[in-house]
Amino acid sequence: MAALPKHYTMFKSKYPRLWQAHDTVSAAAQEAGPLDEKARELVKLGLSIGARMEGAVHSHTRRALEVGVSPAEIRHAVLLGLTTIGFPSTMAALTWVEDILKRPVKARRARGK
């Protein structure tokens, strides 16, 4: 798992009970159904794209790569939004995904991203 961004670690240390509650709900949601890790990360990536949450798109792109989703599969997930969220939103999401994909694999691992 990639290292958490600084603002998340600060939240975790300042509000440990809230973080634990969030972590518990997150784990329960992960285990609530039959989807495997790759499918779950692609779904979360799609939700992040639809909500236009750049940081979440970055995070779920990294997480998808960590569980074995290929760059081509990630790009395909973005392109599927074209007729749902429109061309401008899809292009924005594609740039956010490329922010992560353009980093060399070695650099993504070294930075925990």
PDB file of N, CA and C in Angstrom:
ATOM      1  N   MET A   1       0.848  -1.177   0.000  1.00  0.00           N
ATOM      2  CA  MET A   1       0.000   0.000   0.000  1.00  0.00           C
ATOM      3  C   MET A   1       0.888   1.232   0.000  1.00  0.00           C
ATOM      4  N   ALA A   2       0.533   2.199  -0.800  1.00  0.00           N
ATOM      5  CA  ALA A   2       1.306   3.434  -0.895  1.00  0.00           C
ATOM      6  C   ALA A   2       1.212   4.214   0.412  1.00  0.00           C
ATOM      7  N   ALA A   3       2.230   5.004   0.671  1.00  0.00           N
ATOM      8  CA  ALA A   3       2.223   5.870   1.844  1.00  0.00           C
ATOM      9  C   ALA A   3       1.090   6.882   1.706  1.00  0.00           C
ATOM     10  N   LEU A   4       0.453   7.202   2.812  1.00  0.00           N
ATOM     11  CA  LEU A   4      -0.627   8.182   2.781  1.00  0.00           C
ATOM     12  C   LEU A   4      -0.067   9.584   2.604  1.00  0.00           C
ATOM     13  N   PRO A   5      -0.814  10.454   1.903  1.00  0.00           N
ATOM     14  CA  PRO A   5      -0.377  11.850   1.795  1.00  0.00           C
ATOM     15  C   PRO A   5      -0.293  12.496   3.178  1.00  0.00           C
ATOM     16  N   LYS A   6       0.499  13.532   3.278  1.00  0.00           N
ATOM     17  CA  LYS A   6       0.772  14.197   4.555  1.00  0.00           C
ATOM     18  C   LYS A   6      -0.505  14.641   5.272  1.00  0.00           C
ATOM     19  N   HIS A   7      -1.464  15.206   4.547  1.00  0.00           N
ATOM     20  CA  HIS A   7      -2.684  15.679   5.220  1.00  0.00           C
ATOM     21  C   HIS A   7      -3.496  14.519   5.802  1.00  0.00           C
ATOM     22  N   TYR A   8      -3.401  13.336   5.211  1.00  0.00           N
ATOM     23  CA  TYR A   8      -4.082  12.169   5.784  1.00  0.00           C
ATOM     24  C   TYR A   8      -3.388  11.715   7.059  1.00  0.00           C
ATOM     25  N   THR A   9      -2.070  11.686   7.058  1.00  0.00           N
ATOM     26  CA  THR A   9      -1.355  11.247   8.266  1.00  0.00           C
ATOM     27  C   THR A   9      -1.562  12.247   9.400  1.00  0.00           C
ATOM     28  N   MET A  10      -1.656  13.526   9.059  1.00  0.00           N
ATOM     29  CA  MET A  10      -1.930  14.530  10.096  1.00  0.00           C
ATOM     30  C   MET A  10      -3.331  14.319  10.664  1.00  0.00           C
ATOM     31  N   PHE A  11      -4.316  14.060   9.805  1.00  0.00           N
ATOM     32  CA  PHE A  11      -5.683  13.792  10.262  1.00  0.00           C
ATOM     33  C   PHE A  11      -5.702  12.557  11.162  1.00  0.00           C
ATOM     34  N   LYS A  12      -4.997  11.515  10.717  1.00  0.00           N
ATOM     35  CA  LYS A  12      -4.947  10.260  11.473  1.00  0.00           C
ATOM     36  C   LYS A  12      -4.384  10.465  12.880  1.00  0.00           C
ATOM     37  N   SER A  13      -3.337  11.271  13.000  1.00  0.00           N
ATOM     38  CA  SER A  13      -2.742  11.483  14.324  1.00  0.00           C
ATOM     39  C   SER A  13      -3.562  12.448  15.177  1.00  0.00           C
ATOM     40  N   LYS A  14      -4.224  13.405  14.551  1.00  0.00           N
ATOM     41  CA  LYS A  14      -4.998  14.395  15.313  1.00  0.00           C
ATOM     42  C   LYS A  14      -6.371  13.857  15.727  1.00  0.00           C
ATOM     43  N   TYR A  15      -6.960  13.003  14.888  1.00  0.00           N
ATOM     44  CA  TYR A  15      -8.300  12.472  15.137  1.00  0.00           C
ATOM     45  C   TYR A  15      -8.299  10.944  15.010  1.00  0.00           C
ATOM     46  N   PRO A  16      -7.596  10.261  15.912  1.00  0.00           N
ATOM     47  CA  PRO A  16      -7.447   8.809  15.771  1.00  0.00           C
ATOM     48  C   PRO A  16      -8.767   8.031  15.810  1.00  0.00           C
ATOM     49  N   ARG A  17      -9.728   8.473  16.611  1.00  0.00           N
ATOM     50  CA  ARG A  17     -11.003   7.749  16.684  1.00  0.00           C
ATOM     51  C   ARG A  17     -11.783   7.885  15.381  1.00  0.00           C
ATOM     52  N   LEU A  18     -11.770   9.066  14.797  1.00  0.00           N
ATOM     53  CA  LEU A  18     -12.447   9.251  13.516  1.00  0.00           C
ATOM     54  C   LEU A  18     -11.763   8.430  12.430  1.00  0.00           C
ATOM     55  N   TRP A  19     -10.421   8.442  12.464  1.00  0.00           N
ATOM     56  CA  TRP A  19      -9.687   7.661  11.465  1.00  0.00           C
ATOM     57  C   TRP A  19     -10.022   6.181  11.595  1.00  0.00           C
ATOM     58  N   GLN A  20     -10.050   5.671  12.815  1.00  0.00           N
ATOM     59  CA  GLN A  20     -10.350   4.252  13.034  1.00  0.00           C
ATOM     60  C   GLN A  20     -11.753   3.918  12.555  1.00  0.00           C
ATOM     61  N   ALA A  21     -12.715   4.792  12.845  1.00  0.00           N
ATOM     62  CA  ALA A  21     -14.087   4.561  12.388  1.00  0.00           C
ATOM     63  C   ALA A  21     -14.139   4.532  10.855  1.00  0.00           C
ATOM     64  N   HIS A  22     -13.465   5.465  10.225  1.00  0.00           N
ATOM     65  CA  HIS A  22     -13.416   5.510   8.764  1.00  0.00           C
ATOM     66  C   HIS A  22     -12.769   4.245   8.217  1.00  0.00           C
ATOM     67  N   ASP A  23     -11.678   3.835   8.812  1.00  0.00           N
ATOM     68  CA  ASP A  23     -10.952   2.649   8.371  1.00  0.00           C
ATOM     69  C   ASP A  23     -11.816   1.392   8.514  1.00  0.00           C
ATOM     70  N   THR A  24     -12.582   1.313   9.597  1.00  0.00           N
ATOM     71  CA  THR A  24     -13.462   0.171   9.831  1.00  0.00           C
ATOM     72  C   THR A  24     -14.558   0.106   8.774  1.00  0.00           C
ATOM     73  N   VAL A  25     -15.182   1.254   8.483  1.00  0.00           N
ATOM     74  CA  VAL A  25     -16.229   1.292   7.464  1.00  0.00           C
ATOM     75  C   VAL A  25     -15.643   0.944   6.092  1.00  0.00           C
ATOM     76  N   SER A  26     -14.468   1.479   5.804  1.00  0.00           N
ATOM     77  CA  SER A  26     -13.810   1.196   4.529  1.00  0.00           C
ATOM     78  C   SER A  26     -13.551  -0.304   4.364  1.00  0.00           C
ATOM     79  N   ALA A  27     -13.027  -0.932   5.397  1.00  0.00           N
ATOM     80  CA  ALA A  27     -12.747  -2.371   5.341  1.00  0.00           C
ATOM     81  C   ALA A  27     -14.040  -3.169   5.168  1.00  0.00           C
ATOM     82  N   ALA A  28     -15.091  -2.766   5.848  1.00  0.00           N
ATOM     83  CA  ALA A  28     -16.366  -3.463   5.728  1.00  0.00           C
ATOM     84  C   ALA A  28     -16.925  -3.338   4.311  1.00  0.00           C
ATOM     85  N   ALA A  29     -16.797  -2.168   3.723  1.00  0.00           N
ATOM     86  CA  ALA A  29     -17.272  -1.965   2.356  1.00  0.00           C
ATOM     87  C   ALA A  29     -16.475  -2.822   1.373  1.00  0.00           C
ATOM     88  N   GLN A  30     -15.174  -2.925   1.588  1.00  0.00           N
ATOM     89  CA  GLN A  30     -14.329  -3.752   0.710  1.00  0.00           C
ATOM     90  C   GLN A  30     -14.771  -5.206   0.729  1.00  0.00           C
ATOM     91  N   GLU A  31     -15.209  -5.676   1.889  1.00  0.00           N
ATOM     92  CA  GLU A  31     -15.568  -7.085   2.070  1.00  0.00           C
ATOM     93  C   GLU A  31     -17.057  -7.366   1.871  1.00  0.00           C
ATOM     94  N   ALA A  32     -17.844  -6.347   1.518  1.00  0.00           N
ATOM     95  CA  ALA A  32     -19.303  -6.489   1.473  1.00  0.00           C
ATOM     96  C   ALA A  32     -19.832  -7.231   0.255  1.00  0.00           C
ATOM     97  N   GLY A  33     -18.985  -7.489  -0.716  1.00  0.00           N
ATOM     98  CA  GLY A  33     -19.497  -8.130  -1.917  1.00  0.00           C
ATOM     99  C   GLY A  33     -18.449  -8.950  -2.632  1.00  0.00           C
ATOM    100  N   PRO A  34     -18.805  -9.415  -3.825  1.00  0.00           N
ATOM    101  CA  PRO A  34     -17.956 -10.364  -4.543  1.00  0.00           C
ATOM    102  C   PRO A  34     -16.847  -9.757  -5.407  1.00  0.00           C
ATOM    103  N   LEU A  35     -16.765  -8.447  -5.528  1.00  0.00           N
ATOM    104  CA  LEU A  35     -15.759  -7.861  -6.415  1.00  0.00           C
ATOM    105  C   LEU A  35     -14.343  -8.101  -5.903  1.00  0.00           C
ATOM    106  N   ASP A  36     -13.438  -8.411  -6.830  1.00  0.00           N
ATOM    107  CA  ASP A  36     -12.035  -8.571  -6.452  1.00  0.00           C
ATOM    108  C   ASP A  36     -11.359  -7.197  -6.362  1.00  0.00           C
ATOM    109  N   GLU A  37     -10.112  -7.204  -5.926  1.00  0.00           N
ATOM    110  CA  GLU A  37      -9.390  -5.932  -5.722  1.00  0.00           C
ATOM    111  C   GLU A  37      -9.324  -5.082  -6.983  1.00  0.00           C
ATOM    112  N   LYS A  38      -9.028  -5.703  -8.104  1.00  0.00           N
ATOM    113  CA  LYS A  38      -8.925  -4.949  -9.353  1.00  0.00           C
ATOM    114  C   LYS A  38     -10.253  -4.286  -9.701  1.00  0.00           C
ATOM    115  N   ALA A  39     -11.330  -5.029  -9.605  1.00  0.00           N
ATOM    116  CA  ALA A  39     -12.646  -4.470  -9.919  1.00  0.00           C
ATOM    117  C   ALA A  39     -13.003  -3.345  -8.953  1.00  0.00           C
ATOM    118  N   ARG A  40     -12.727  -3.556  -7.656  1.00  0.00           N
ATOM    119  CA  ARG A  40     -13.039  -2.515  -6.668  1.00  0.00           C
ATOM    120  C   ARG A  40     -12.279  -1.230  -6.963  1.00  0.00           C
ATOM    121  N   GLU A  41     -11.005  -1.349  -7.309  1.00  0.00           N
ATOM    122  CA  GLU A  41     -10.236  -0.131  -7.591  1.00  0.00           C
ATOM    123  C   GLU A  41     -10.709   0.560  -8.865  1.00  0.00           C
ATOM    124  N   LEU A  42     -11.098  -0.208  -9.870  1.00  0.00           N
ATOM    125  CA  LEU A  42     -11.637   0.411 -11.079  1.00  0.00           C
ATOM    126  C   LEU A  42     -12.963   1.112 -10.791  1.00  0.00           C
ATOM    127  N   VAL A  43     -13.800   0.511  -9.955  1.00  0.00           N
ATOM    128  CA  VAL A  43     -15.055   1.163  -9.570  1.00  0.00           C
ATOM    129  C   VAL A  43     -14.764   2.454  -8.817  1.00  0.00           C
ATOM    130  N   LYS A  44     -13.847   2.390  -7.853  1.00  0.00           N
ATOM    131  CA  LYS A  44     -13.523   3.588  -7.073  1.00  0.00           C
ATOM    132  C   LYS A  44     -12.884   4.666  -7.952  1.00  0.00           C
ATOM    133  N   LEU A  45     -12.094   4.249  -8.920  1.00  0.00           N
ATOM    134  CA  LEU A  45     -11.534   5.204  -9.870  1.00  0.00           C
ATOM    135  C   LEU A  45     -12.661   5.866 -10.656  1.00  0.00           C
ATOM    136  N   GLY A  46     -13.601   5.068 -11.139  1.00  0.00           N
ATOM    137  CA  GLY A  46     -14.733   5.621 -11.877  1.00  0.00           C
ATOM    138  C   GLY A  46     -15.564   6.586 -11.049  1.00  0.00           C
ATOM    139  N   LEU A  47     -15.807   6.240  -9.797  1.00  0.00           N
ATOM    140  CA  LEU A  47     -16.551   7.137  -8.912  1.00  0.00           C
ATOM    141  C   LEU A  47     -15.792   8.441  -8.696  1.00  0.00           C
ATOM    142  N   SER A  48     -14.497   8.348  -8.529  1.00  0.00           N
ATOM    143  CA  SER A  48     -13.672   9.544  -8.324  1.00  0.00           C
ATOM    144  C   SER A  48     -13.686  10.443  -9.554  1.00  0.00           C
ATOM    145  N   ILE A  49     -13.643   9.801 -10.706  1.00  0.00           N
ATOM    146  CA  ILE A  49     -13.702  10.551 -11.970  1.00  0.00           C
ATOM    147  C   ILE A  49     -15.049  11.263 -12.079  1.00  0.00           C
ATOM    148  N   GLY A  50     -16.139  10.533 -11.843  1.00  0.00           N
ATOM    149  CA  GLY A  50     -17.476  11.115 -11.948  1.00  0.00           C
ATOM    150  C   GLY A  50     -17.697  12.260 -10.979  1.00  0.00           C
ATOM    151  N   ALA A  51     -17.076  12.173  -9.813  1.00  0.00           N
ATOM    152  CA  ALA A  51     -17.200  13.231  -8.806  1.00  0.00           C
ATOM    153  C   ALA A  51     -16.209  14.369  -9.038  1.00  0.00           C
ATOM    154  N   ARG A  52     -15.338  14.210 -10.048  1.00  0.00           N
ATOM    155  CA  ARG A  52     -14.321  15.211 -10.391  1.00  0.00           C
ATOM    156  C   ARG A  52     -13.402  15.511  -9.193  1.00  0.00           C
ATOM    157  N   MET A  53     -12.955  14.456  -8.539  1.00  0.00           N
ATOM    158  CA  MET A  53     -12.085  14.577  -7.379  1.00  0.00           C
ATOM    159  C   MET A  53     -10.660  14.220  -7.797  1.00  0.00           C
ATOM    160  N   GLU A  54      -9.885  15.223  -8.155  1.00  0.00           N
ATOM    161  CA  GLU A  54      -8.543  15.007  -8.696  1.00  0.00           C
ATOM    162  C   GLU A  54      -7.656  14.190  -7.769  1.00  0.00           C
ATOM    163  N   GLY A  55      -7.634  14.536  -6.498  1.00  0.00           N
ATOM    164  CA  GLY A  55      -6.798  13.794  -5.551  1.00  0.00           C
ATOM    165  C   GLY A  55      -7.206  12.334  -5.450  1.00  0.00           C
ATOM    166  N   ALA A  56      -8.507  12.076  -5.459  1.00  0.00           N
ATOM    167  CA  ALA A  56      -8.992  10.699  -5.397  1.00  0.00           C
ATOM    168  C   ALA A  56      -8.652   9.940  -6.681  1.00  0.00           C
ATOM    169  N   VAL A  57      -8.707  10.632  -7.829  1.00  0.00           N
ATOM    170  CA  VAL A  57      -8.310   9.990  -9.084  1.00  0.00           C
ATOM    171  C   VAL A  57      -6.841   9.606  -9.020  1.00  0.00           C
ATOM    172  N   HIS A  58      -6.000  10.506  -8.513  1.00  0.00           N
ATOM    173  CA  HIS A  58      -4.575  10.181  -8.343  1.00  0.00           C
ATOM    174  C   HIS A  58      -4.426   8.957  -7.440  1.00  0.00           C
ATOM    175  N   SER A  59      -5.099   8.987  -6.287  1.00  0.00           N
ATOM    176  CA  SER A  59      -4.988   7.909  -5.315  1.00  0.00           C
ATOM    177  C   SER A  59      -5.451   6.570  -5.891  1.00  0.00           C
ATOM    178  N   HIS A  60      -6.594   6.563  -6.531  1.00  0.00           N
ATOM    179  CA  HIS A  60      -7.120   5.295  -7.028  1.00  0.00           C
ATOM    180  C   HIS A  60      -6.393   4.822  -8.283  1.00  0.00           C
ATOM    181  N   THR A  61      -5.758   5.726  -9.001  1.00  0.00           N
ATOM    182  CA  THR A  61      -4.882   5.295 -10.089  1.00  0.00           C
ATOM    183  C   THR A  61      -3.691   4.550  -9.499  1.00  0.00           C
ATOM    184  N   ARG A  62      -3.073   5.120  -8.461  1.00  0.00           N
ATOM    185  CA  ARG A  62      -1.951   4.444  -7.797  1.00  0.00           C
ATOM    186  C   ARG A  62      -2.384   3.100  -7.228  1.00  0.00           C
ATOM    187  N   ARG A  63      -3.514   3.094  -6.550  1.00  0.00           N
ATOM    188  CA  ARG A  63      -3.994   1.852  -5.933  1.00  0.00           C
ATOM    189  C   ARG A  63      -4.320   0.794  -6.976  1.00  0.00           C
ATOM    190  N   ALA A  64      -4.898   1.232  -8.083  1.00  0.00           N
ATOM    191  CA  ALA A  64      -5.208   0.283  -9.162  1.00  0.00           C
ATOM    192  C   ALA A  64      -3.928  -0.359  -9.690  1.00  0.00           C
ATOM    193  N   LEU A  65      -2.914   0.456  -9.899  1.00  0.00           N
ATOM    194  CA  LEU A  65      -1.626  -0.086 -10.351  1.00  0.00           C
ATOM    195  C   LEU A  65      -1.071  -1.086  -9.343  1.00  0.00           C
ATOM    196  N   GLU A  66      -1.201  -0.775  -8.059  1.00  0.00           N
ATOM    197  CA  GLU A  66      -0.677  -1.647  -7.001  1.00  0.00           C
ATOM    198  C   GLU A  66      -1.335  -3.023  -6.989  1.00  0.00           C
ATOM    199  N   VAL A  67      -2.594  -3.101  -7.419  1.00  0.00           N
ATOM    200  CA  VAL A  67      -3.288  -4.393  -7.403  1.00  0.00           C
ATOM    201  C   VAL A  67      -3.286  -5.056  -8.773  1.00  0.00           C
ATOM    202  N   GLY A  68      -2.488  -4.530  -9.697  1.00  0.00           N
ATOM    203  CA  GLY A  68      -2.292  -5.208 -10.971  1.00  0.00           C
ATOM    204  C   GLY A  68      -3.118  -4.726 -12.147  1.00  0.00           C
ATOM    205  N   VAL A  69      -3.824  -3.616 -12.001  1.00  0.00           N
ATOM    206  CA  VAL A  69      -4.556  -3.061 -13.131  1.00  0.00           C
ATOM    207  C   VAL A  69      -3.521  -2.425 -14.062  1.00  0.00           C
ATOM    208  N   SER A  70      -3.637  -2.702 -15.340  1.00  0.00           N
ATOM    209  CA  SER A  70      -2.663  -2.171 -16.294  1.00  0.00           C
ATOM    210  C   SER A  70      -2.985  -0.720 -16.655  1.00  0.00           C
ATOM    211  N   PRO A  71      -1.983   0.034 -17.096  1.00  0.00           N
ATOM    212  CA  PRO A  71      -2.256   1.396 -17.571  1.00  0.00           C
ATOM    213  C   PRO A  71      -3.332   1.430 -18.668  1.00  0.00           C
ATOM    214  N   ALA A  72      -3.327   0.449 -19.561  1.00  0.00           N
ATOM    215  CA  ALA A  72      -4.344   0.408 -20.621  1.00  0.00           C
ATOM    216  C   ALA A  72      -5.748   0.229 -20.033  1.00  0.00           C
ATOM    217  N   GLU A  73      -5.874  -0.615 -19.002  1.00  0.00           N
ATOM    218  CA  GLU A  73      -7.170  -0.807 -18.355  1.00  0.00           C
ATOM    219  C   GLU A  73      -7.624   0.463 -17.647  1.00  0.00           C
ATOM    220  N   ILE A  74      -6.690   1.156 -17.012  1.00  0.00           N
ATOM    221  CA  ILE A  74      -7.012   2.413 -16.330  1.00  0.00           C
ATOM    222  C   ILE A  74      -7.489   3.450 -17.344  1.00  0.00           C
ATOM    223  N   ARG A  75      -6.757   3.585 -18.441  1.00  0.00           N
ATOM    224  CA  ARG A  75      -7.167   4.550 -19.475  1.00  0.00           C
ATOM    225  C   ARG A  75      -8.536   4.194 -20.044  1.00  0.00           C
ATOM    226  N   HIS A  76      -8.789   2.895 -20.240  1.00  0.00           N
ATOM    227  CA  HIS A  76     -10.089   2.474 -20.752  1.00  0.00           C
ATOM    228  C   HIS A  76     -11.197   2.872 -19.787  1.00  0.00           C
ATOM    229  N   ALA A  77     -10.970   2.696 -18.491  1.00  0.00           N
ATOM    230  CA  ALA A  77     -11.956   3.094 -17.484  1.00  0.00           C
ATOM    231  C   ALA A  77     -12.279   4.578 -17.601  1.00  0.00           C
ATOM    232  N   VAL A  78     -11.259   5.393 -17.838  1.00  0.00           N
ATOM    233  CA  VAL A  78     -11.482   6.833 -18.005  1.00  0.00           C
ATOM    234  C   VAL A  78     -12.319   7.089 -19.255  1.00  0.00           C
ATOM    235  N   LEU A  79     -11.953   6.470 -20.352  1.00  0.00           N
ATOM    236  CA  LEU A  79     -12.639   6.710 -21.627  1.00  0.00           C
ATOM    237  C   LEU A  79     -14.101   6.294 -21.592  1.00  0.00           C
ATOM    238  N   LEU A  80     -14.441   5.329 -20.752  1.00  0.00           N
ATOM    239  CA  LEU A  80     -15.836   4.905 -20.632  1.00  0.00           C
ATOM    240  C   LEU A  80     -16.733   6.020 -20.110  1.00  0.00           C
ATOM    241  N   GLY A  81     -16.157   7.009 -19.476  1.00  0.00           N
ATOM    242  CA  GLY A  81     -16.940   8.137 -18.970  1.00  0.00           C
ATOM    243  C   GLY A  81     -17.333   9.147 -20.026  1.00  0.00           C
ATOM    244  N   LEU A  82     -16.789   9.027 -21.218  1.00  0.00           N
ATOM    245  CA  LEU A  82     -16.989  10.030 -22.265  1.00  0.00           C
ATOM    246  C   LEU A  82     -18.459  10.364 -22.504  1.00  0.00           C
ATOM    247  N   THR A  83     -19.297   9.349 -22.652  1.00  0.00           N
ATOM    248  CA  THR A  83     -20.704   9.613 -22.953  1.00  0.00           C
ATOM    249  C   THR A  83     -21.546   9.880 -21.710  1.00  0.00           C
ATOM    250  N   THR A  84     -20.970   9.658 -20.544  1.00  0.00           N
ATOM    251  CA  THR A  84     -21.702   9.886 -19.295  1.00  0.00           C
ATOM    252  C   THR A  84     -21.382  11.237 -18.677  1.00  0.00           C
ATOM    253  N   ILE A  85     -20.092  11.575 -18.603  1.00  0.00           N
ATOM    254  CA  ILE A  85     -19.692  12.832 -17.959  1.00  0.00           C
ATOM    255  C   ILE A  85     -19.248  13.895 -18.951  1.00  0.00           C
ATOM    256  N   GLY A  86     -19.151  13.535 -20.228  1.00  0.00           N
ATOM    257  CA  GLY A  86     -18.817  14.508 -21.258  1.00  0.00           C
ATOM    258  C   GLY A  86     -17.332  14.580 -21.574  1.00  0.00           C
ATOM    259  N   PHE A  87     -17.061  15.173 -22.719  1.00  0.00           N
ATOM    260  CA  PHE A  87     -15.694  15.276 -23.215  1.00  0.00           C
ATOM    261  C   PHE A  87     -14.775  16.089 -22.297  1.00  0.00           C
ATOM    262  N   PRO A  88     -15.167  17.299 -21.873  1.00  0.00           N
ATOM    263  CA  PRO A  88     -14.250  18.076 -21.025  1.00  0.00           C
ATOM    264  C   PRO A  88     -13.900  17.371 -19.708  1.00  0.00           C
ATOM    265  N   SER A  89     -14.895  16.767 -19.071  1.00  0.00           N
ATOM    266  CA  SER A  89     -14.630  16.071 -17.803  1.00  0.00           C
ATOM    267  C   SER A  89     -13.760  14.839 -18.018  1.00  0.00           C
ATOM    268  N   THR A  90     -13.994  14.148 -19.129  1.00  0.00           N
ATOM    269  CA  THR A  90     -13.174  12.974 -19.438  1.00  0.00           C
ATOM    270  C   THR A  90     -11.734  13.391 -19.704  1.00  0.00           C
ATOM    271  N   MET A  91     -11.537  14.487 -20.412  1.00  0.00           N
ATOM    272  CA  MET A  91     -10.178  14.956 -20.684  1.00  0.00           C
ATOM    273  C   MET A  91      -9.478  15.384 -19.394  1.00  0.00           C
ATOM    274  N   ALA A  92     -10.214  16.016 -18.496  1.00  0.00           N
ATOM    275  CA  ALA A  92      -9.631  16.388 -17.199  1.00  0.00           C
ATOM    276  C   ALA A  92      -9.200  15.132 -16.450  1.00  0.00           C
ATOM    277  N   ALA A  93     -10.083  14.143 -16.405  1.00  0.00           N
ATOM    278  CA  ALA A  93      -9.763  12.893 -15.700  1.00  0.00           C
ATOM    279  C   ALA A  93      -8.571  12.192 -16.334  1.00  0.00           C
ATOM    280  N   LEU A  94      -8.499  12.220 -17.652  1.00  0.00           N
ATOM    281  CA  LEU A  94      -7.376  11.593 -18.331  1.00  0.00           C
ATOM    282  C   LEU A  94      -6.058  12.278 -17.961  1.00  0.00           C
ATOM    283  N   THR A  95      -6.070  13.588 -17.819  1.00  0.00           N
ATOM    284  CA  THR A  95      -4.831  14.276 -17.412  1.00  0.00           C
ATOM    285  C   THR A  95      -4.453  13.903 -15.986  1.00  0.00           C
ATOM    286  N   TRP A  96      -5.445  13.725 -15.112  1.00  0.00           N
ATOM    287  CA  TRP A  96      -5.143  13.345 -13.724  1.00  0.00           C
ATOM    288  C   TRP A  96      -4.553  11.944 -13.658  1.00  0.00           C
ATOM    289  N   VAL A  97      -5.107  11.039 -14.454  1.00  0.00           N
ATOM    290  CA  VAL A  97      -4.580   9.672 -14.513  1.00  0.00           C
ATOM    291  C   VAL A  97      -3.152   9.694 -15.066  1.00  0.00           C
ATOM    292  N   GLU A  98      -2.949  10.469 -16.116  1.00  0.00           N
ATOM    293  CA  GLU A  98      -1.616  10.547 -16.729  1.00  0.00           C
ATOM    294  C   GLU A  98      -0.593  11.159 -15.779  1.00  0.00           C
ATOM    295  N   ASP A  99      -1.029  12.027 -14.851  1.00  0.00           N
ATOM    296  CA  ASP A  99      -0.103  12.550 -13.836  1.00  0.00           C
ATOM    297  C   ASP A  99       0.617  11.406 -13.136  1.00  0.00           C
ATOM    298  N   ILE A 100      -0.114  10.332 -12.877  1.00  0.00           N
ATOM    299  CA  ILE A 100       0.450   9.170 -12.180  1.00  0.00           C
ATOM    300  C   ILE A 100       1.120   8.223 -13.163  1.00  0.00           C
ATOM    301  N   LEU A 101       0.476   7.945 -14.280  1.00  0.00           N
ATOM    302  CA  LEU A 101       1.018   6.968 -15.223  1.00  0.00           C
ATOM    303  C   LEU A 101       2.310   7.423 -15.877  1.00  0.00           C
ATOM    304  N   LYS A 102       2.513   8.731 -16.003  1.00  0.00           N
ATOM    305  CA  LYS A 102       3.737   9.199 -16.664  1.00  0.00           C
ATOM    306  C   LYS A 102       4.968   9.069 -15.775  1.00  0.00           C
ATOM    307  N   ARG A 103       4.749   8.854 -14.474  1.00  0.00           N
ATOM    308  CA  ARG A 103       5.881   8.645 -13.574  1.00  0.00           C
ATOM    309  C   ARG A 103       6.475   7.269 -13.845  1.00  0.00           C
ATOM    310  N   PRO A 104       7.778   7.173 -13.864  1.00  0.00           N
ATOM    311  CA  PRO A 104       8.382   5.838 -14.031  1.00  0.00           C
ATOM    312  C   PRO A 104       7.954   4.927 -12.882  1.00  0.00           C
ATOM    313  N   VAL A 105       7.781   3.657 -13.166  1.00  0.00           N
ATOM    314  CA  VAL A 105       7.352   2.689 -12.155  1.00  0.00           C
ATOM    315  C   VAL A 105       8.255   2.741 -10.940  1.00  0.00           C
ATOM    316  N   LYS A 106       9.552   2.794 -11.179  1.00  0.00           N
ATOM    317  CA  LYS A 106      10.515   2.833 -10.083  1.00  0.00           C
ATOM    318  C   LYS A 106      10.287   4.051  -9.188  1.00  0.00           C
ATOM    319  N   ALA A 107       9.999   5.208  -9.803  1.00  0.00           N
ATOM    320  CA  ALA A 107       9.773   6.431  -9.036  1.00  0.00           C
ATOM    321  C   ALA A 107       8.461   6.351  -8.260  1.00  0.00           C
ATOM    322  N   ARG A 108       7.405   5.730  -8.848  1.00  0.00           N
ATOM    323  CA  ARG A 108       6.143   5.579  -8.128  1.00  0.00           C
ATOM    324  C   ARG A 108       6.340   4.744  -6.877  1.00  0.00           C
ATOM    325  N   ARG A 109       7.111   3.662  -7.006  1.00  0.00           N
ATOM    326  CA  ARG A 109       7.370   2.789  -5.848  1.00  0.00           C
ATOM    327  C   ARG A 109       8.230   3.481  -4.807  1.00  0.00           C
ATOM    328  N   ALA A 110       9.262   4.191  -5.241  1.00  0.00           N
ATOM    329  CA  ALA A 110      10.194   4.848  -4.319  1.00  0.00           C
ATOM    330  C   ALA A 110       9.488   5.926  -3.502  1.00  0.00           C
ATOM    331  N   ARG A 111       8.550   6.614  -4.112  1.00  0.00           N
ATOM    332  CA  ARG A 111       7.840   7.695  -3.424  1.00  0.00           C
ATOM    333  C   ARG A 111       6.632   7.185  -2.677  1.00  0.00           C
ATOM    334  N   GLY A 112       6.367   5.881  -2.787  1.00  0.00           N
ATOM    335  CA  GLY A 112       5.186   5.334  -2.150  1.00  0.00           C
ATOM    336  C   GLY A 112       3.928   5.698  -2.898  1.00  0.00           C
ATOM    337  N   LYS A 113       4.095   6.081  -4.152  1.00  0.00           N
ATOM    338  CA  LYS A 113       2.936   6.512  -4.946  1.00  0.00           C
ATOM    339  C   LYS A 113       2.936   5.729  -6.177  1.00  0.00           C
TER     340      LYS A 113
END
